[in-house]
Amino acid sequence: MISGMDTKICGRCLKALAVAVLLPALFAQTKPGNDLDAAVKARTGSFPGVVSIAAKNLATGATYNLSARQPVRTASTIKLPIMIECFYEASEGKLKWTEPLKLTEDEKVSGSGILQDLSAGDELPVRDMVDLMIVLSDNTATNLILNRITGNAVNARMAQLGLHETRVMRKILGDGKNLKSTPSGITEEGAKPENKKWGLGRSSPQEMLMLLEKLYRGELVNPQASQEMIAILKRQRDHNCIGRDMKDVPIANKSGALDHLRSDVGIVYSKRGPIAMAITVEDIPEVDYGPDNPGDLLISALSEILVNGLGAP
């Protein structure tokens, strides 16, 4: 027969045993072993460029970082914060989704997207422009949206969310085929001489990961808006980087490309857990906008390594 005191002691023993068993397992989840780091370093070691990574299993909390807090050029991944600001302003009554934005010849810029080929004078509602900005990475749609909400508003929102590196610097100039010579839409941050080097925008893998996690947890605007934004990201059509070789795996992401840079931020909804990741590859030697750019291939390989390394068994 076990007395009341013995029962309390046994209960304490069981709790202590549970802690002793579970804590190492939890630590192993949040601090992946050397195998993942070795796999990443083996894949990036001989690459003639600079790689930065922030990744997290959003179910277990397991993380991996490689120069994650270092600021990087965003290229088109800055369109994610721009979309977030649109959803905030719509919820606050500052912006109507049905509000038309007019396409003008002066606002057309080259590069990704379809609006540059449409007729000046055409109008589309803000919500359609947001879809074009993300799904087709439309540069002209992005500039029209920035005309309406301003890059300064985006930057203020990012600061409010606790992000210190993520900033819009200016509107898009186009690509090398037809680059506008005079920047426009320059923000307060973009006007600082030391920020000219960032081009369109600046962020860090760690901060992009923070935005992805907030979206996943329904913390940006509200749960419904967060899910709507994830749904838009799932429809984006550039699949050359994160998860390009993953079959039947839903991915919500936004990529970016410059002559010597490739970047991709997104959530891989793998069977081993939802893995959020932000990867930037800078200083790619050759200029290649084909699907097999070395940066694209590297990000693809790294995304598989991260899913395998951070995913639950």
Foldseek 3Di string as FASTA:
>chain_A
DADPVNVVVVVVVVVVVCCVVVVVVLCCQQEPDCVLVVVLCVLCVPAPFDKWKWKAFLVSNHIDTDQQQDKAQAFLQLLLLLLLLQLQCCLVVNFPQQDKFFAAQVLQAADWFDSNPDDGGDIDGLVVLSLRCFQGVHQSSSVSSCVRCAQQSSVVVCVVVVFDWWGFAFGAQHAPVHGNPDTHSGDPVNVDPVNVVSPGIMHGFVSLLVVQSCLVVQNRNGNVVSVVLQVSQQNHDDLLAAQVPPPPWGKRKGWRDHQFKTKMWIWTCDPQGIMTMIMIIGRRPGGDPDSVRVNRVSRHVSNVSCCVRNGHD
